[in-house]
Amino acid sequence: MKDQLISEISKQLNIAETAGTESLCKAIYSATGKMALASIWDHPEDEKFVSIQHFKKRAAQGLDAYLSIYPKAAHRFPSNRSGIIEDIYETYRRNGFFYHSSHRLYPAAPSTGGTGQCSLYRGVPPEKPCYMSGLGLYGVTKAAEHGQSAAEMFELQKQPLSDYLQEVLASNDWNEVEWPEDAEFLRLKPPFSRGYWQEKPDKVEMPSMARYGTPNKLYVFYRWLNGHFEQKSIPSWRVDDFRTIGQPGYGEYRRIACGLLEAAQKLPPVVVKFASNYTVSIKLGYRLPPAEEDFFKLYSWPINFDITQKTPQVFQREMSEIVYPVFKQHLESIGYRFVEE
C-alpha cells in the first residue's frame, strides 16, 4: 500500500523512481510543496485569502505525514523542520506564487511561459494536473511557442551581463578615495570558496567593486589610475534585493559581480551532469543573482534536505531534464557558460 502511494505520487509528478531513498525524498519534497500551494485555495467563500500560518501549517502537516509513512526517508530531513517549511514558503513567495498582504495570502493570477515543449505554470488551481521539478510546476506540450518566456514570467534579467554592467558603470563620476578601515573588495580571481570579498584592493585599471559602512553598506566601483584609487558610487537600488522582507538585502550586488567577473573572463561555468533517472545535476561555481537563484531553487531539488538558513542549498541541486533546457537557455542568453559532462 505504501509503495503504491509513493509510486502514484511519483507518476503524477513525473518523478522517476530509483532504488534507495533519493527519488522518495524528491517525491516527498515536491508533494509537500504541492499540498502547501493547494492550501491557498482553502479560503471560505466570503473571503479570498488564507493566513501565512495556514500555508506553513499545511506544508508541515504534509511533510510530517509523508515522513511518518516513509520513516526510511526521515533521516534525510531535519528533525526540526521549521527551516525547510520556511524555505518552501520563501521560494514560492519570491517567485510570485501568491499575493502577500498583512499576513494574508491570495492566489496569484494564472500564468504560463516556457521554451519548446516545456510549459511552466504559476497560479493554477490545485485540480490542474501538473508535473513537478523541485517545487516548480510544469507540463509537456506539443506547442513550440509560448505566450511569454521564463524571463518574462519570473522577471529574470534579459540584458546580457556585459550590457548590464556598462549600464550601471555609466552613472555617476569617478572621485579619488581613501579607503575606510571596514572596506572590502570584490575577489576577482578564484578560489571563490575563500569568500567573495577580500581585505586589500586590486591595483588594476579595470573597474572592480568595493563596499563599506555600518550598518548600511555603500557599494562602489573602484579602479587604480595614475597612482591612486578612484571610486564611483553605485545607486542603492542596484544592489538592494527588493524581494527581501525585513533586514536589508544586498543580494543584487551579485548581478554586478557576475558582470565584472565575466568581463575579466573569471566567471566560473555552470557544470552539469546527466543522470540515468531523467534528472540533471547542476553545480554552480558562483552564486546566482537573486531572481535567477529564486528560479533555480523553484525548479530543482536540493541535494541535502536538511535545509536551514545557514545551509540554503544554492550551489548544487538537481533538476528535471525536461525543465533544464529552459534554465540553460536563459542563463546562456545573458552570458553564462555551461559545461556538460
Protein backbone atom coordinates (compact mmCIF):
# COMPACT_ATOMS: atom_id res chain seq x y z
CA MET A 1 0.00 0.00 0.00
CA LYS A 2 2.79 2.42 0.94
CA ASP A 3 4.71 1.55 -2.22
CA GLN A 4 1.59 2.10 -4.31
CA LEU A 5 1.05 5.53 -2.76
CA ILE A 6 4.52 6.88 -3.49
CA SER A 7 4.52 5.27 -6.93
CA GLU A 8 1.27 7.03 -7.77
CA ILE A 9 2.57 10.37 -6.46
CA SER A 10 5.82 9.97 -8.43
CA LYS A 11 3.88 9.10 -11.56
CA GLN A 12 1.56 12.10 -11.20
CA LEU A 13 4.51 14.45 -10.69
CA ASN A 14 6.70 12.76 -13.35
CA ILE A 15 9.48 11.90 -10.89
CA ALA A 16 11.39 8.78 -11.94
CA GLU A 17 11.59 6.14 -9.22
CA THR A 18 15.01 4.81 -8.27
CA ALA A 19 16.42 2.43 -5.69
CA GLY A 20 17.18 3.81 -2.25
CA THR A 21 15.65 6.96 -0.82
CA GLU A 22 16.72 9.54 -3.43
CA SER A 23 13.57 9.56 -5.57
CA LEU A 24 11.41 9.01 -2.48
CA CYS A 25 12.77 12.22 -0.93
CA LYS A 26 12.26 14.11 -4.18
CA ALA A 27 8.63 12.97 -4.34
CA ILE A 28 8.02 13.89 -0.67
CA TYR A 29 9.59 17.34 -1.12
CA SER A 30 7.58 18.11 -4.28
CA ALA A 31 4.32 16.69 -2.91
CA THR A 32 4.76 18.82 0.23
CA GLY A 33 5.09 21.90 -1.95
CA LYS A 34 2.02 20.94 -3.99
CA MET A 35 -0.01 20.44 -0.80
CA ALA A 36 1.13 23.82 0.53
CA LEU A 37 0.13 25.53 -2.72
CA ALA A 38 -3.28 23.85 -2.63
CA SER A 39 -3.88 25.38 0.80
CA ILE A 40 -4.08 28.86 -0.76
CA TRP A 41 -7.47 27.82 -2.17
CA ASP A 42 -8.76 26.74 1.26
CA HIS A 43 -10.34 30.14 1.87
CA PRO A 44 -14.07 30.44 2.74
CA GLU A 45 -16.47 31.57 0.02
CA ASP A 46 -16.85 35.01 1.56
CA GLU A 47 -13.07 35.55 1.71
CA LYS A 48 -10.36 35.28 -0.93
CA PHE A 49 -7.33 34.72 1.29
CA VAL A 50 -5.71 32.41 3.81
CA SER A 51 -3.18 33.25 6.51
CA ILE A 52 0.55 32.71 6.14
CA GLN A 53 0.34 30.45 9.18
CA HIS A 54 -2.26 28.29 7.42
CA PHE A 55 0.08 27.81 4.43
CA LYS A 56 3.02 26.84 6.62
CA LYS A 57 0.88 24.60 8.82
CA ARG A 58 -0.41 22.65 5.82
CA ALA A 59 3.12 22.26 4.49
CA ALA A 60 4.34 20.99 7.88
CA GLN A 61 1.39 18.60 8.22
CA GLY A 62 2.02 17.21 4.75
CA LEU A 63 5.75 16.71 5.31
CA ASP A 64 5.21 15.12 8.74
CA ALA A 65 2.59 12.77 7.31
CA TYR A 66 4.81 11.59 4.45
CA LEU A 67 7.80 11.05 6.73
CA SER A 68 5.69 9.08 9.22
CA ILE A 69 4.57 6.80 6.38
CA TYR A 70 8.12 6.51 5.00
CA PRO A 71 10.44 6.58 8.06
CA LYS A 72 13.40 5.41 5.93
CA ALA A 73 13.40 8.87 4.33
CA ALA A 74 13.18 10.77 7.63
CA HIS A 75 16.93 10.76 8.25
CA ARG A 76 17.40 12.83 5.07
CA PHE A 77 15.25 15.61 6.54
CA PRO A 78 15.97 17.72 9.65
CA SER A 79 14.39 16.74 12.97
CA ASN A 80 13.39 20.40 13.37
CA ARG A 81 11.54 21.03 10.12
CA SER A 82 10.78 24.73 10.59
CA GLY A 83 13.75 25.62 8.35
CA ILE A 84 12.61 23.58 5.35
CA ILE A 85 8.99 24.79 5.75
CA GLU A 86 10.19 28.40 5.82
CA ASP A 87 12.34 27.72 2.75
CA ILE A 88 9.36 26.30 0.84
CA TYR A 89 7.27 29.33 1.77
CA GLU A 90 10.01 31.79 0.80
CA THR A 91 10.68 30.03 -2.51
CA TYR A 92 7.03 30.34 -3.51
CA ARG A 93 6.74 33.91 -2.20
CA ARG A 94 9.83 35.13 -4.03
CA ASN A 95 8.66 33.53 -7.27
CA GLY A 96 5.25 35.21 -7.17
CA PHE A 97 3.01 32.23 -6.44
CA PHE A 98 0.74 34.30 -4.22
CA TYR A 99 -0.03 37.91 -3.39
CA HIS A 100 1.10 38.84 0.10
CA SER A 101 -0.58 41.48 2.25
CA SER A 102 -0.90 41.94 6.04
CA HIS A 103 -0.24 38.26 6.85
CA ARG A 104 -2.71 37.23 4.16
CA LEU A 105 -2.06 35.17 1.05
CA TYR A 106 -4.10 35.47 -2.13
CA PRO A 107 -3.70 33.09 -5.10
CA ALA A 108 -1.63 34.59 -7.92
CA ALA A 109 -3.24 35.11 -11.32
CA PRO A 110 -2.71 32.12 -13.65
CA SER A 111 0.42 32.44 -15.75
CA THR A 112 2.18 30.22 -18.28
CA GLY A 113 5.54 30.51 -20.03
CA GLY A 114 8.43 28.42 -21.16
CA THR A 115 10.52 27.20 -24.06
CA GLY A 116 9.97 24.49 -26.63
CA GLN A 117 7.82 21.67 -25.29
CA CYS A 118 8.17 22.68 -21.64
CA SER A 119 5.42 24.88 -20.22
CA LEU A 120 5.92 26.44 -16.79
CA TYR A 121 2.85 27.13 -14.62
CA ARG A 122 2.05 29.51 -11.77
CA GLY A 123 -1.25 30.39 -10.13
CA VAL A 124 -3.06 27.32 -11.46
CA PRO A 125 -5.82 25.72 -9.33
CA PRO A 126 -4.95 22.56 -7.36
CA GLU A 127 -7.05 20.29 -9.56
CA LYS A 128 -4.95 21.02 -12.67
CA PRO A 129 -2.62 18.06 -13.37
CA CYS A 130 1.00 19.26 -13.31
CA TYR A 131 4.40 17.69 -13.26
CA MET A 132 6.95 19.00 -10.77
CA SER A 133 10.66 19.67 -10.78
CA GLY A 134 11.56 20.59 -7.22
CA LEU A 135 8.75 22.92 -6.11
CA GLY A 136 8.04 24.22 -9.63
CA LEU A 137 5.03 23.23 -11.74
CA TYR A 138 5.37 22.36 -15.42
CA GLY A 139 3.79 20.44 -18.24
CA VAL A 140 4.83 18.99 -21.58
CA THR A 141 3.10 20.41 -24.62
CA LYS A 142 3.39 19.97 -28.37
CA ALA A 143 3.17 23.73 -28.85
CA ALA A 144 6.55 25.17 -29.83
CA GLU A 145 5.56 28.74 -28.97
CA HIS A 146 4.62 30.28 -25.64
CA GLY A 147 2.90 33.50 -24.69
CA GLN A 148 5.95 34.56 -22.72
CA SER A 149 9.42 33.40 -21.87
CA ALA A 150 10.57 32.19 -18.46
CA ALA A 151 12.43 35.50 -18.09
CA GLU A 152 9.22 37.48 -18.63
CA MET A 153 7.16 35.20 -16.41
CA PHE A 154 9.56 35.28 -13.44
CA GLU A 155 11.07 38.75 -14.00
CA LEU A 156 14.55 37.44 -14.75
CA GLN A 157 17.34 39.50 -16.28
CA LYS A 158 17.02 39.96 -20.05
CA GLN A 159 20.15 42.05 -20.69
CA PRO A 160 23.47 40.28 -21.22
CA LEU A 161 25.73 40.65 -18.19
CA SER A 162 28.14 42.82 -20.20
CA ASP A 163 25.40 45.26 -21.25
CA TYR A 164 24.04 45.47 -17.72
CA LEU A 165 27.49 46.20 -16.33
CA GLN A 166 28.07 49.01 -18.81
CA GLU A 167 24.67 50.49 -17.97
CA VAL A 168 25.49 50.62 -14.25
CA LEU A 169 29.00 51.93 -14.90
CA ALA A 170 27.60 54.80 -16.97
CA SER A 171 26.07 56.52 -13.93
CA ASN A 172 27.90 58.93 -11.57
CA ASP A 173 31.50 60.20 -11.72
CA TRP A 174 34.88 58.89 -10.59
CA ASN A 175 36.39 60.51 -7.48
CA GLU A 176 39.65 59.90 -5.63
CA VAL A 177 39.19 57.88 -2.46
CA GLU A 178 40.98 56.91 0.77
CA TRP A 179 39.58 53.59 1.93
CA PRO A 180 37.96 53.35 5.39
CA GLU A 181 39.07 50.53 7.68
CA ASP A 182 35.94 48.45 7.10
CA ALA A 183 36.27 48.46 3.28
CA GLU A 184 36.03 45.11 1.48
CA PHE A 185 36.93 44.44 -2.13
CA LEU A 186 35.43 42.02 -4.61
CA ARG A 187 37.55 38.95 -5.26
CA LEU A 188 38.14 38.74 -9.00
CA LYS A 189 40.11 35.51 -9.07
CA PRO A 190 39.33 32.01 -7.78
CA PRO A 191 39.18 30.21 -5.44
CA PHE A 192 35.86 31.80 -4.55
CA SER A 193 35.46 29.24 -1.78
CA ARG A 194 37.56 31.67 0.27
CA GLY A 195 34.71 34.17 0.06
CA TYR A 196 33.62 36.79 -2.44
CA TRP A 197 35.35 39.68 -0.65
CA GLN A 198 38.99 40.35 0.25
CA GLU A 199 40.72 42.79 2.58
CA LYS A 200 43.00 44.51 0.05
CA PRO A 201 42.07 46.25 -3.22
CA ASP A 202 43.48 45.16 -6.57
CA LYS A 203 45.71 47.77 -8.20
CA VAL A 204 44.23 47.43 -11.68
CA GLU A 205 42.67 49.95 -14.02
CA MET A 206 39.79 47.61 -14.90
CA PRO A 207 36.82 48.53 -12.65
CA SER A 208 36.02 46.30 -9.71
CA MET A 209 33.68 46.69 -6.74
CA ALA A 210 34.10 47.60 -3.07
CA ARG A 211 31.76 48.05 -0.13
CA TYR A 212 31.97 49.72 3.28
CA GLY A 213 29.85 51.29 6.01
CA THR A 214 27.87 50.16 9.07
CA PRO A 215 25.05 49.27 9.49
CA ASN A 216 24.11 50.04 5.89
CA LYS A 217 26.60 49.09 3.21
CA LEU A 218 27.66 51.51 0.49
CA TYR A 219 28.64 49.77 -2.74
CA VAL A 220 31.03 51.45 -5.20
CA PHE A 221 33.04 50.70 -8.30
CA TYR A 222 36.74 51.32 -7.89
CA ARG A 223 39.88 51.40 -10.03
CA TRP A 224 43.61 52.20 -9.74
CA LEU A 225 44.56 55.08 -12.01
CA ASN A 226 47.59 57.39 -12.09
CA GLY A 227 48.92 56.17 -8.74
CA HIS A 228 45.71 56.45 -6.71
CA PHE A 229 42.37 54.76 -6.18
CA GLU A 230 39.15 56.20 -7.56
CA GLN A 231 35.60 55.22 -6.73
CA LYS A 232 32.22 55.68 -8.36
CA SER A 233 29.09 55.15 -6.26
CA ILE A 234 26.55 52.51 -7.25
CA PRO A 235 22.89 53.53 -6.68
CA SER A 236 21.44 51.64 -3.71
CA TRP A 237 18.54 50.29 -5.77
CA ARG A 238 21.07 48.50 -7.97
CA VAL A 239 22.22 46.34 -5.05
CA ASP A 240 19.02 46.06 -2.99
CA ASP A 241 17.18 42.76 -3.29
CA PHE A 242 13.61 44.07 -3.45
CA ARG A 243 12.20 40.60 -2.73
CA THR A 244 13.78 40.56 0.73
CA ILE A 245 11.46 41.35 3.65
CA GLY A 246 12.76 42.75 6.93
CA GLN A 247 16.51 43.20 7.19
CA PRO A 248 18.41 44.88 4.32
CA GLY A 249 19.22 42.54 1.47
CA TYR A 250 22.09 43.45 -0.80
CA GLY A 251 21.92 40.33 -2.96
CA GLU A 252 21.66 42.29 -6.21
CA TYR A 253 25.37 43.13 -5.91
CA ARG A 254 25.93 39.61 -7.30
CA ARG A 255 24.43 40.69 -10.62
CA ILE A 256 27.11 43.37 -10.92
CA ALA A 257 29.78 41.00 -9.58
CA CYS A 258 28.94 38.42 -12.25
CA GLY A 259 29.24 41.12 -14.90
CA LEU A 260 32.67 42.14 -13.58
CA LEU A 261 33.83 38.52 -13.45
CA GLU A 262 32.61 37.89 -16.99
CA ALA A 263 34.47 40.99 -18.19
CA ALA A 264 37.63 39.66 -16.53
CA GLN A 265 36.93 36.19 -18.02
CA LYS A 266 36.83 34.73 -14.50
CA LEU A 267 33.13 33.83 -14.16
CA PRO A 268 33.06 30.08 -13.38
CA PRO A 269 30.98 27.87 -15.69
CA VAL A 270 27.83 26.02 -14.71
CA VAL A 271 28.80 22.34 -14.56
CA VAL A 272 26.07 19.85 -15.49
CA LYS A 273 25.98 16.07 -15.24
CA PHE A 274 23.19 13.97 -16.74
CA ALA A 275 21.83 11.17 -14.58
CA SER A 276 20.04 8.00 -15.60
CA ASN A 277 16.86 8.96 -13.72
CA TYR A 278 15.80 11.78 -16.10
CA THR A 279 17.39 14.45 -13.92
CA VAL A 280 20.47 16.61 -14.27
CA SER A 281 22.89 17.60 -11.52
CA ILE A 282 23.74 21.31 -11.67
CA LYS A 283 26.74 22.76 -9.84
CA LEU A 284 27.36 26.49 -9.76
CA GLY A 285 30.84 27.94 -9.37
CA TYR A 286 29.44 31.32 -8.28
CA ARG A 287 26.17 32.21 -6.60
CA LEU A 288 23.46 33.48 -8.96
CA PRO A 289 21.78 36.91 -8.66
CA PRO A 290 18.55 36.82 -6.60
CA ALA A 291 15.89 36.38 -9.31
CA GLU A 292 17.87 33.70 -11.14
CA GLU A 293 18.63 31.96 -7.85
CA ASP A 294 14.93 32.01 -6.95
CA PHE A 295 14.07 30.37 -10.27
CA PHE A 296 16.87 27.81 -9.82
CA LYS A 297 15.59 26.90 -6.34
CA LEU A 298 11.98 26.74 -7.52
CA TYR A 299 12.61 24.25 -10.31
CA SER A 300 15.14 21.97 -8.63
CA TRP A 301 15.60 19.64 -5.70
CA PRO A 302 18.24 20.21 -3.02
CA ILE A 303 20.97 17.60 -2.71
CA ASN A 304 20.62 17.74 1.06
CA PHE A 305 17.12 18.17 2.50
CA ASP A 306 18.49 19.29 5.88
CA ILE A 307 17.76 22.93 5.00
CA THR A 308 18.42 25.77 7.42
CA GLN A 309 19.14 29.47 6.99
CA LYS A 310 22.85 28.69 7.32
CA THR A 311 22.67 25.99 4.64
CA PRO A 312 20.47 27.49 1.90
CA GLN A 313 21.41 24.88 -0.74
CA VAL A 314 22.03 27.33 -3.59
CA PHE A 315 25.15 25.92 -5.28
CA GLN A 316 24.35 22.33 -6.20
CA ARG A 317 20.88 20.99 -6.98
CA GLU A 318 19.10 18.53 -9.29
CA MET A 319 16.55 19.43 -11.96
CA SER A 320 14.22 17.57 -14.30
CA GLU A 321 15.86 17.12 -17.69
CA ILE A 322 12.63 18.47 -19.24
CA VAL A 323 12.94 21.80 -17.40
CA TYR A 324 16.73 22.04 -17.68
CA PRO A 325 16.77 23.42 -21.28
CA VAL A 326 14.64 26.38 -20.12
CA PHE A 327 17.13 27.16 -17.34
CA LYS A 328 20.12 26.70 -19.63
CA GLN A 329 18.72 28.78 -22.48
CA HIS A 330 18.03 31.71 -20.18
CA LEU A 331 21.41 31.77 -18.45
CA GLU A 332 23.29 31.31 -21.72
CA SER A 333 21.35 34.20 -23.24
CA ILE A 334 22.74 36.61 -20.64
CA GLY A 335 26.33 35.37 -20.72
CA TYR A 336 26.75 32.27 -18.56
CA ARG A 337 28.75 29.32 -19.88
CA PHE A 338 27.68 25.70 -19.40
CA VAL A 339 29.94 22.65 -19.29
CA GLU A 340 28.02 19.41 -19.75
CA GLU A 341 29.79 16.27 -18.61
